[in-house]
Each structure stands twice: as structure tokens, then as C-alpha cells.
Protein backbone atom coordinates (compact mmCIF):
# COMPACT_ATOMS: atom_id res chain seq x y z
CA UNK A 1 -12.42 -8.79 -6.30
CA UNK A 2 -14.08 -5.89 -8.08
CA UNK A 3 -11.68 -3.45 -9.72
CA UNK A 4 -13.05 -0.56 -7.62
CA UNK A 5 -12.16 -2.49 -4.43
CA UNK A 6 -8.59 -3.29 -5.53
CA UNK A 7 -6.13 -1.27 -3.43
CA UNK A 8 -3.69 -0.82 -6.33
CA UNK A 9 -6.42 0.53 -8.61
CA UNK A 10 -7.57 2.84 -5.81
CA UNK A 11 -3.96 4.04 -5.34
CA UNK A 12 -3.56 4.76 -9.06
CA UNK A 13 -6.86 6.65 -9.23
CA UNK A 14 -6.02 8.61 -6.08
CA UNK A 15 -2.66 9.65 -7.54
CA UNK A 16 -4.32 10.60 -10.83
CA UNK A 17 -6.81 12.78 -9.00
CA UNK A 18 -4.31 14.39 -6.60
CA UNK A 19 -1.83 15.19 -9.37
CA UNK A 20 -4.43 15.95 -12.05
CA UNK A 21 -2.67 13.41 -14.25
CA UNK A 22 -4.54 12.17 -17.31
CA UNK A 23 -2.17 9.28 -18.08
CA UNK A 24 -3.01 5.66 -17.37
CA UNK A 25 -1.18 2.39 -16.88
CA UNK A 26 -1.70 -1.35 -17.24
CA UNK A 27 -0.80 -2.97 -13.92
CA UNK A 28 -0.31 -6.68 -13.30
CA UNK A 29 0.49 -8.19 -9.90
CA UNK A 30 1.70 -11.70 -9.19
CA UNK A 31 1.17 -12.54 -5.51
CA UNK A 32 3.73 -14.66 -3.68
CA UNK A 33 2.21 -14.32 -0.22
CA UNK A 34 -1.25 -15.45 0.90
CA UNK A 35 -4.04 -13.03 0.03
CA UNK A 36 -5.55 -11.60 3.21
CA UNK A 37 -2.84 -13.16 5.38
CA UNK A 38 -2.09 -9.95 7.28
CA UNK A 39 1.45 -9.63 5.93
CA UNK A 40 0.95 -6.15 4.41
CA UNK A 41 1.01 -7.33 0.81
CA UNK A 42 -1.92 -5.18 -0.32
CA UNK A 43 -0.51 -2.12 1.44
CA UNK A 44 2.91 -2.75 -0.09
CA UNK A 45 1.35 -3.15 -3.54
CA UNK A 46 -0.56 0.14 -3.14
CA UNK A 47 2.59 1.96 -2.00
CA UNK A 48 4.57 0.52 -4.90
CA UNK A 49 1.87 1.70 -7.31
CA UNK A 50 2.02 5.22 -5.83
CA UNK A 51 5.83 5.41 -6.03
CA UNK A 52 6.13 3.81 -9.48
CA UNK A 53 3.30 5.77 -11.09
CA UNK A 54 4.58 9.00 -9.52
CA UNK A 55 7.83 8.43 -11.44
CA UNK A 56 6.22 7.06 -14.60
CA UNK A 57 3.74 9.93 -14.81
CA UNK A 58 6.34 12.48 -13.71
CA UNK A 59 3.95 14.04 -11.17
CA UNK A 60 6.79 15.32 -8.98
CA UNK A 61 5.17 14.46 -5.64
CA UNK A 62 7.66 13.91 -2.81
CA UNK A 63 7.63 11.09 -0.25
CA UNK A 64 5.62 13.16 2.24
CA UNK A 65 2.87 13.81 -0.31
CA UNK A 66 2.83 10.16 -1.41
CA UNK A 67 2.73 8.97 2.22
CA UNK A 68 -0.22 11.30 2.90
CA UNK A 69 -2.07 9.85 -0.09
CA UNK A 70 -1.15 6.36 1.07
CA UNK A 71 -2.61 7.00 4.51
CA UNK A 72 -5.97 7.57 2.83
CA UNK A 73 -5.71 4.00 1.52
CA UNK A 74 -4.61 2.32 4.74
CA UNK A 75 -2.52 2.74 7.88
CA UNK A 76 0.31 0.51 6.58
CA UNK A 77 0.76 2.22 3.22
CA UNK A 78 2.93 5.20 4.35
CA UNK A 79 5.71 2.99 5.76
CA UNK A 80 5.87 1.09 2.48
CA UNK A 81 5.93 4.36 0.51
CA UNK A 82 9.05 5.39 2.42
CA UNK A 83 10.63 1.97 1.88
CA UNK A 84 12.52 1.64 5.15
CA UNK A 85 12.00 0.28 8.64
CA UNK A 86 10.19 2.64 10.98
CA UNK A 87 8.43 2.89 14.30
CA UNK A 88 4.81 3.84 13.53
CA UNK A 89 2.48 5.79 15.79
CA UNK A 90 -1.00 7.24 15.42
CA UNK A 91 -2.74 5.36 12.66
CA UNK A 92 0.44 5.06 10.64
CA UNK A 93 1.03 8.72 9.88
CA UNK A 94 3.80 9.34 12.46
CA UNK A 95 6.88 7.41 11.33
CA UNK A 96 10.28 7.44 13.00
CA UNK A 97 12.97 5.77 10.84
CA UNK A 98 14.81 2.84 12.47
CA UNK A 99 18.15 1.34 11.61
CA UNK A 100 17.83 -2.40 12.11
CA UNK A 101 20.50 -5.04 11.59
CA UNK A 102 20.17 -7.23 8.50
CA UNK A 103 17.80 -10.11 9.10
CA UNK A 104 16.07 -12.99 7.37
CA UNK A 105 12.38 -13.65 7.76
CA UNK A 106 10.18 -16.66 7.32
CA UNK A 107 6.55 -16.02 6.42
CA UNK A 108 4.16 -18.68 7.62
CA UNK A 109 0.65 -18.96 6.24
CA UNK A 110 -1.56 -19.23 9.34
CA UNK A 111 -4.32 -20.83 7.29
CA UNK A 112 -6.80 -18.09 8.13
CA UNK A 113 -7.52 -14.64 6.73
CA UNK A 114 -7.26 -11.36 8.64
CA UNK A 115 -10.22 -9.01 8.46
CA UNK A 116 -10.89 -5.71 10.21
CA UNK A 117 -13.54 -5.94 12.97
CA UNK A 118 -16.09 -3.96 10.92
CA UNK A 119 -15.69 -6.21 7.86
CA UNK A 120 -19.00 -7.30 6.39
CA UNK A 121 -19.13 -10.25 4.06
CA UNK A 122 -20.98 -9.65 0.82
CA UNK A 123 -23.13 -12.43 -0.51
CA UNK A 124 -23.09 -12.91 -4.26
């Protein structure tokens, strides 16, 4: 994947731009879920980058501002920015916090990759 297409890199650059921050960071990600499996891993990674870099760079943006930036990256990012269970409406921008009982989850790799309907495959 090209660096410009990486959601974490896009999140970092978006935060830099929005906060006028000139600092940088070296980011490394070790995936433990299937890439493109539809489990929200990329959205979670982008949200984590926004939250962590916001603290590291001391930009002072609150959760609402970070969630708004996250929405520009994808509909799932705002819920991960907030870090709690929520009922989502709209395209992910209207979140109502939920209190859910503790639970365990099993992730199953379906053996296929999820793509948005307007996805176009690039030939290299």
C-alpha cells in the first residue's frame, strides 16, 4: 500500500494540518486481524493515531474535534476515537454512548476481503 493511501498516515497528516503542528512521528503497526476483513482495524488504527499524536504533540484537541477529524477519514473512526461502545447514526457522526455488559468476542476470518461498492482495483 502506498504511504499516501495508508489511513494512519492520512490521520497523522490531517491532525498536523488541523492543529498546525510541525512535529512528526515514526509509526509502526503490527496487525493481528486480517487486512481488509471488515473488522474495523484500519479505522481503529487511524483513531488511535489521532488520539496518541494529539497527546504526543500536545495539540489540545478534545474528543469532539478528534472525532470530527476522524469522520473525514471514515465513518467508523469517530466511535474508535471515543473509545467506548455506542449506537451510531448518520454516517457515523451521531453517536449515543451505550453501556453493555462485559463480553468476549471471537473474530473469524471469512476468507474474503470487504470493499466499498465504488472500489476500483488498480493494476500495477
